Amino acid sequence: MVSNYTTPTKEDVSFGNDIQFIKTGDLAISKPKDFFFKSTAYWILNILIALATIFLIFFKRKQIELNSDVSRMKNKRANKESQKRLKTAKTYLDSNQDTLFYDEIAKALWGYVADKFSIDQVNLTTDKIKAKLIAKQIEEQKIDSLIQVLQQCEFARFAPSADPNGKQKLYDQATEVIQNFEQKNK
């Protein structure tokens, strides 16, 4: 295989067209006049980012501090949790599951009182609840209605009755007791 390629000779290369001279002297690169890093917008943006970061750090620390207070969080969620339990109790009432209904009503009331008034689960007896609520200056009538509903629940769990109106009445009383306590504590 024969190649037709030939190398250029010295005479074929001319100065100015093929080869440029090396520049010497001032080689300063010109910068655009509206360079972003020295502009006012750059500094305003940096200040806004710094302020936003400080705000977010402060906000996050405050959230962590508030969430670490367990008794306050339980108090805040007591009504919501009891309403969930009462809703479950209502489904048991509608499906005639008496034992589960009474259990759920009792759990709703016991849990509400324990969470709302920061009483340990171990100390949940009617006498201790009454003493704690009296110490918190809750009206006697509200305390008595709570204890009455709790006692009816306990009695019905171990000696069930066939009266369906009694179950609905007990459900309504439990709902009313929780609403009465919520009105007092707002």
C-alpha atoms as a PDB file:
ATOM      1  CA  MET A   1       0.000   0.000   0.000  1.00  0.00           C
ATOM      2  CA  VAL A   2       1.429   3.284  -1.092  1.00  0.00           C
ATOM      3  CA  SER A   3       0.662   6.564   0.704  1.00  0.00           C
ATOM      4  CA  ASN A   4       0.256   9.865  -1.085  1.00  0.00           C
ATOM      5  CA  TYR A   5       0.964  11.926   2.037  1.00  0.00           C
ATOM      6  CA  THR A   6       3.962  14.231   1.983  1.00  0.00           C
ATOM      7  CA  THR A   7       5.349  16.325   4.800  1.00  0.00           C
ATOM      8  CA  PRO A   8       5.503  20.088   4.347  1.00  0.00           C
ATOM      9  CA  THR A   9       8.883  21.584   3.714  1.00  0.00           C
ATOM     10  CA  LYS A  10      10.419  24.632   5.344  1.00  0.00           C
ATOM     11  CA  GLU A  11       9.469  26.807   2.426  1.00  0.00           C
ATOM     12  CA  ASP A  12       5.794  25.800   2.628  1.00  0.00           C
ATOM     13  CA  VAL A  13       5.390  27.274   6.162  1.00  0.00           C
ATOM     14  CA  SER A  14       5.100  31.063   6.305  1.00  0.00           C
ATOM     15  CA  PHE A  15       5.121  33.300   9.383  1.00  0.00           C
ATOM     16  CA  GLY A  16       1.883  35.036  10.279  1.00  0.00           C
ATOM     17  CA  ASN A  17      -0.453  32.537   8.612  1.00  0.00           C
ATOM     18  CA  ASP A  18       0.549  29.172   9.968  1.00  0.00           C
ATOM     19  CA  ILE A  19       2.649  30.103  13.022  1.00  0.00           C
ATOM     20  CA  GLN A  20       1.858  32.933  15.427  1.00  0.00           C
ATOM     21  CA  PHE A  21       4.466  34.709  17.530  1.00  0.00           C
ATOM     22  CA  ILE A  22       4.447  34.281  21.341  1.00  0.00           C
ATOM     23  CA  LYS A  23       3.062  37.361  23.070  1.00  0.00           C
ATOM     24  CA  THR A  24       5.122  38.906  25.802  1.00  0.00           C
ATOM     25  CA  GLY A  25       4.260  41.762  28.140  1.00  0.00           C
ATOM     26  CA  ASP A  26       0.919  42.519  29.945  1.00  0.00           C
ATOM     27  CA  LEU A  27      -1.266  39.413  29.837  1.00  0.00           C
ATOM     28  CA  ALA A  28      -4.088  40.699  32.142  1.00  0.00           C
ATOM     29  CA  ILE A  29      -7.420  38.994  31.678  1.00  0.00           C
ATOM     30  CA  SER A  30     -10.287  41.435  31.585  1.00  0.00           C
ATOM     31  CA  LYS A  31     -13.137  40.711  34.051  1.00  0.00           C
ATOM     32  CA  PRO A  32     -16.716  41.683  33.364  1.00  0.00           C
ATOM     33  CA  LYS A  33     -17.724  44.829  35.237  1.00  0.00           C
ATOM     34  CA  ASP A  34     -20.937  43.298  36.745  1.00  0.00           C
ATOM     35  CA  PHE A  35     -19.197  40.416  38.484  1.00  0.00           C
ATOM     36  CA  PHE A  36     -21.727  38.707  40.878  1.00  0.00           C
ATOM     37  CA  PHE A  37     -19.442  38.061  43.851  1.00  0.00           C
ATOM     38  CA  LYS A  38     -18.848  41.722  44.537  1.00  0.00           C
ATOM     39  CA  SER A  39     -22.401  42.863  43.909  1.00  0.00           C
ATOM     40  CA  THR A  40     -25.019  43.989  46.430  1.00  0.00           C
ATOM     41  CA  ALA A  41     -27.310  41.111  45.430  1.00  0.00           C
ATOM     42  CA  TYR A  42     -24.586  38.631  46.434  1.00  0.00           C
ATOM     43  CA  TRP A  43     -24.286  40.076  49.950  1.00  0.00           C
ATOM     44  CA  ILE A  44     -28.055  40.351  50.432  1.00  0.00           C
ATOM     45  CA  LEU A  45     -28.474  36.732  49.365  1.00  0.00           C
ATOM     46  CA  ASN A  46     -25.775  35.599  51.804  1.00  0.00           C
ATOM     47  CA  ILE A  47     -27.326  37.547  54.671  1.00  0.00           C
ATOM     48  CA  LEU A  48     -30.769  36.080  53.930  1.00  0.00           C
ATOM     49  CA  ILE A  49     -29.357  32.548  53.845  1.00  0.00           C
ATOM     50  CA  ALA A  50     -27.559  33.125  57.162  1.00  0.00           C
ATOM     51  CA  LEU A  51     -30.718  34.515  58.804  1.00  0.00           C
ATOM     52  CA  ALA A  52     -32.815  31.619  57.486  1.00  0.00           C
ATOM     53  CA  THR A  53     -30.284  29.122  58.832  1.00  0.00           C
ATOM     54  CA  ILE A  54     -30.289  30.758  62.276  1.00  0.00           C
ATOM     55  CA  PHE A  55     -34.106  30.790  62.302  1.00  0.00           C
ATOM     56  CA  LEU A  56     -34.322  27.111  61.329  1.00  0.00           C
ATOM     57  CA  ILE A  57     -31.810  26.107  64.007  1.00  0.00           C
ATOM     58  CA  PHE A  58     -33.742  28.064  66.647  1.00  0.00           C
ATOM     59  CA  PHE A  59     -37.085  26.616  65.484  1.00  0.00           C
ATOM     60  CA  LYS A  60     -35.767  23.025  65.445  1.00  0.00           C
ATOM     61  CA  ARG A  61     -34.287  23.350  68.948  1.00  0.00           C
ATOM     62  CA  LYS A  62     -37.587  24.717  70.245  1.00  0.00           C
ATOM     63  CA  GLN A  63     -39.451  21.768  68.690  1.00  0.00           C
ATOM     64  CA  ILE A  64     -37.033  19.293  70.261  1.00  0.00           C
ATOM     65  CA  GLU A  65     -37.450  20.998  73.631  1.00  0.00           C
ATOM     66  CA  LEU A  66     -41.253  20.896  73.416  1.00  0.00           C
ATOM     67  CA  ASN A  67     -41.344  17.278  72.249  1.00  0.00           C
ATOM     68  CA  SER A  68     -39.051  16.165  75.059  1.00  0.00           C
ATOM     69  CA  ASP A  69     -41.675  17.137  77.656  1.00  0.00           C
ATOM     70  CA  VAL A  70     -43.475  13.784  77.746  1.00  0.00           C
ATOM     71  CA  SER A  71     -46.168  14.711  80.245  1.00  0.00           C
ATOM     72  CA  ARG A  72     -47.120  17.811  78.236  1.00  0.00           C
ATOM     73  CA  MET A  73     -47.318  15.759  75.050  1.00  0.00           C
ATOM     74  CA  LYS A  74     -49.498  13.137  76.742  1.00  0.00           C
ATOM     75  CA  ASN A  75     -51.743  15.876  78.118  1.00  0.00           C
ATOM     76  CA  LYS A  76     -52.042  17.405  74.668  1.00  0.00           C
ATOM     77  CA  ARG A  77     -52.945  14.074  73.029  1.00  0.00           C
ATOM     78  CA  ALA A  78     -55.212  12.732  75.789  1.00  0.00           C
ATOM     79  CA  ASN A  79     -58.480  13.861  74.199  1.00  0.00           C
ATOM     80  CA  LYS A  80     -57.481  12.668  70.740  1.00  0.00           C
ATOM     81  CA  GLU A  81     -56.505   9.222  72.024  1.00  0.00           C
ATOM     82  CA  SER A  82     -59.680   8.874  74.073  1.00  0.00           C
ATOM     83  CA  GLN A  83     -61.784   9.867  71.059  1.00  0.00           C
ATOM     84  CA  LYS A  84     -60.096   7.125  69.010  1.00  0.00           C
ATOM     85  CA  ARG A  85     -60.904   4.594  71.712  1.00  0.00           C
ATOM     86  CA  LEU A  86     -64.505   5.795  71.951  1.00  0.00           C
ATOM     87  CA  LYS A  87     -64.843   5.464  68.189  1.00  0.00           C
ATOM     88  CA  THR A  88     -63.576   1.888  68.420  1.00  0.00           C
ATOM     89  CA  ALA A  89     -65.999   1.275  71.300  1.00  0.00           C
ATOM     90  CA  LYS A  90     -68.833   2.554  69.107  1.00  0.00           C
ATOM     91  CA  THR A  91     -67.983  -0.024  66.427  1.00  0.00           C
ATOM     92  CA  TYR A  92     -68.009  -2.744  69.116  1.00  0.00           C
ATOM     93  CA  LEU A  93     -71.353  -1.432  70.349  1.00  0.00           C
ATOM     94  CA  ASP A  94     -72.819  -1.552  66.847  1.00  0.00           C
ATOM     95  CA  SER A  95     -71.535  -5.091  66.270  1.00  0.00           C
ATOM     96  CA  ASN A  96     -72.768  -6.337  69.693  1.00  0.00           C
ATOM     97  CA  GLN A  97     -69.330  -7.280  70.997  1.00  0.00           C
ATOM     98  CA  ASP A  98     -70.110  -6.491  74.603  1.00  0.00           C
ATOM     99  CA  THR A  99     -66.846  -7.500  76.284  1.00  0.00           C
ATOM    100  CA  LEU A 100     -64.731  -5.557  73.807  1.00  0.00           C
ATOM    101  CA  PHE A 101     -67.085  -2.582  74.072  1.00  0.00           C
ATOM    102  CA  TYR A 102     -66.782  -2.343  77.858  1.00  0.00           C
ATOM    103  CA  ASP A 103     -63.011  -2.895  77.696  1.00  0.00           C
ATOM    104  CA  GLU A 104     -62.609  -0.085  75.193  1.00  0.00           C
ATOM    105  CA  ILE A 105     -64.782   2.346  77.181  1.00  0.00           C
ATOM    106  CA  ALA A 106     -62.763   1.595  80.321  1.00  0.00           C
ATOM    107  CA  LYS A 107     -59.457   1.988  78.461  1.00  0.00           C
ATOM    108  CA  ALA A 108     -60.627   5.296  76.990  1.00  0.00           C
ATOM    109  CA  LEU A 109     -61.506   6.704  80.410  1.00  0.00           C
ATOM    110  CA  TRP A 110     -58.515   5.291  82.303  1.00  0.00           C
ATOM    111  CA  GLY A 111     -56.132   6.384  79.559  1.00  0.00           C
ATOM    112  CA  TYR A 112     -57.657   9.849  79.362  1.00  0.00           C
ATOM    113  CA  VAL A 113     -57.334  10.447  83.089  1.00  0.00           C
ATOM    114  CA  ALA A 114     -53.786   9.037  83.195  1.00  0.00           C
ATOM    115  CA  ASP A 115     -52.587  11.170  80.289  1.00  0.00           C
ATOM    116  CA  LYS A 116     -54.512  14.353  81.074  1.00  0.00           C
ATOM    117  CA  PHE A 117     -53.551  14.547  84.722  1.00  0.00           C
ATOM    118  CA  SER A 118     -50.114  12.859  84.587  1.00  0.00           C
ATOM    119  CA  ILE A 119     -51.014   9.863  86.731  1.00  0.00           C
ATOM    120  CA  ASP A 120     -48.892   6.744  86.387  1.00  0.00           C
ATOM    121  CA  GLN A 121     -50.662   3.638  85.087  1.00  0.00           C
ATOM    122  CA  VAL A 122     -49.628   1.832  88.280  1.00  0.00           C
ATOM    123  CA  ASN A 123     -51.523   4.364  90.414  1.00  0.00           C
ATOM    124  CA  LEU A 124     -54.792   4.122  88.508  1.00  0.00           C
ATOM    125  CA  THR A 125     -57.375   3.337  91.138  1.00  0.00           C
ATOM    126  CA  THR A 126     -60.603   5.211  91.692  1.00  0.00           C
ATOM    127  CA  ASP A 127     -59.453   6.414  95.124  1.00  0.00           C
ATOM    128  CA  LYS A 128     -56.130   7.760  93.830  1.00  0.00           C
ATOM    129  CA  ILE A 129     -57.811   9.366  90.832  1.00  0.00           C
ATOM    130  CA  LYS A 130     -60.332  11.070  93.096  1.00  0.00           C
ATOM    131  CA  ALA A 131     -57.584  12.373  95.406  1.00  0.00           C
ATOM    132  CA  LYS A 132     -55.458  13.616  92.482  1.00  0.00           C
ATOM    133  CA  LEU A 133     -58.398  15.367  90.795  1.00  0.00           C
ATOM    134  CA  ILE A 134     -59.510  16.999  94.049  1.00  0.00           C
ATOM    135  CA  ALA A 135     -55.934  18.236  94.508  1.00  0.00           C
ATOM    136  CA  LYS A 136     -56.140  19.756  90.997  1.00  0.00           C
ATOM    137  CA  GLN A 137     -59.374  21.507  92.050  1.00  0.00           C
ATOM    138  CA  ILE A 138     -61.676  19.659  89.666  1.00  0.00           C
ATOM    139  CA  GLU A 139     -65.374  19.864  90.541  1.00  0.00           C
ATOM    140  CA  GLU A 140     -66.689  16.988  92.689  1.00  0.00           C
ATOM    141  CA  GLN A 141     -69.603  16.441  90.310  1.00  0.00           C
ATOM    142  CA  LYS A 142     -67.250  15.777  87.373  1.00  0.00           C
ATOM    143  CA  ILE A 143     -65.102  13.456  89.458  1.00  0.00           C
ATOM    144  CA  ASP A 144     -68.158  11.529  90.672  1.00  0.00           C
ATOM    145  CA  SER A 145     -69.534  11.148  87.132  1.00  0.00           C
ATOM    146  CA  LEU A 146     -66.160   9.815  85.953  1.00  0.00           C
ATOM    147  CA  ILE A 147     -65.948   7.302  88.778  1.00  0.00           C
ATOM    148  CA  GLN A 148     -69.583   6.276  88.260  1.00  0.00           C
ATOM    149  CA  VAL A 149     -68.978   5.523  84.558  1.00  0.00           C
ATOM    150  CA  LEU A 150     -65.780   3.614  85.395  1.00  0.00           C
ATOM    151  CA  GLN A 151     -67.636   1.529  87.991  1.00  0.00           C
ATOM    152  CA  GLN A 152     -70.494   0.823  85.574  1.00  0.00           C
ATOM    153  CA  CYS A 153     -67.957  -0.332  83.011  1.00  0.00           C
ATOM    154  CA  GLU A 154     -66.224  -2.639  85.474  1.00  0.00           C
ATOM    155  CA  PHE A 155     -69.535  -4.030  86.689  1.00  0.00           C
ATOM    156  CA  ALA A 156     -70.801  -4.627  83.135  1.00  0.00           C
ATOM    157  CA  ARG A 157     -67.551  -6.362  82.102  1.00  0.00           C
ATOM    158  CA  PHE A 158     -67.932  -8.978  84.827  1.00  0.00           C
ATOM    159  CA  ALA A 159     -71.732  -9.128  85.104  1.00  0.00           C
ATOM    160  CA  PRO A 160     -73.051  -8.251  81.640  1.00  0.00           C
ATOM    161  CA  SER A 161     -76.644  -7.192  81.173  1.00  0.00           C
ATOM    162  CA  ALA A 162     -78.843  -7.756  78.148  1.00  0.00           C
ATOM    163  CA  ASP A 163     -80.075  -4.147  78.027  1.00  0.00           C
ATOM    164  CA  PRO A 164     -78.834  -2.622  74.714  1.00  0.00           C
ATOM    165  CA  ASN A 165     -80.042   0.847  75.801  1.00  0.00           C
ATOM    166  CA  GLY A 166     -77.775   0.599  78.842  1.00  0.00           C
ATOM    167  CA  LYS A 167     -74.733   0.186  76.596  1.00  0.00           C
ATOM    168  CA  GLN A 168     -75.660   3.208  74.490  1.00  0.00           C
ATOM    169  CA  LYS A 169     -76.317   5.211  77.647  1.00  0.00           C
ATOM    170  CA  LEU A 170     -72.909   4.189  79.041  1.00  0.00           C
ATOM    171  CA  TYR A 171     -71.227   5.216  75.779  1.00  0.00           C
ATOM    172  CA  ASP A 172     -72.974   8.605  75.885  1.00  0.00           C
ATOM    173  CA  GLN A 173     -71.999   9.108  79.529  1.00  0.00           C
ATOM    174  CA  ALA A 174     -68.334   8.300  78.801  1.00  0.00           C
ATOM    175  CA  THR A 175     -68.312  10.765  75.906  1.00  0.00           C
ATOM    176  CA  GLU A 176     -69.945  13.423  78.075  1.00  0.00           C
ATOM    177  CA  VAL A 177     -67.462  12.883  80.931  1.00  0.00           C
ATOM    178  CA  ILE A 178     -64.494  13.434  78.618  1.00  0.00           C
ATOM    179  CA  GLN A 179     -66.124  16.505  77.063  1.00  0.00           C
ATOM    180  CA  ASN A 180     -66.779  17.968  80.516  1.00  0.00           C
ATOM    181  CA  PHE A 181     -63.131  17.537  81.512  1.00  0.00           C
ATOM    182  CA  GLU A 182     -61.959  19.084  78.243  1.00  0.00           C
ATOM    183  CA  GLN A 183     -64.168  22.145  78.787  1.00  0.00           C
ATOM    184  CA  LYS A 184     -62.698  22.641  82.246  1.00  0.00           C
ATOM    185  CA  ASN A 185     -59.103  22.382  81.064  1.00  0.00           C
ATOM    186  CA  LYS A 186     -59.237  24.734  78.065  1.00  0.00           C
END
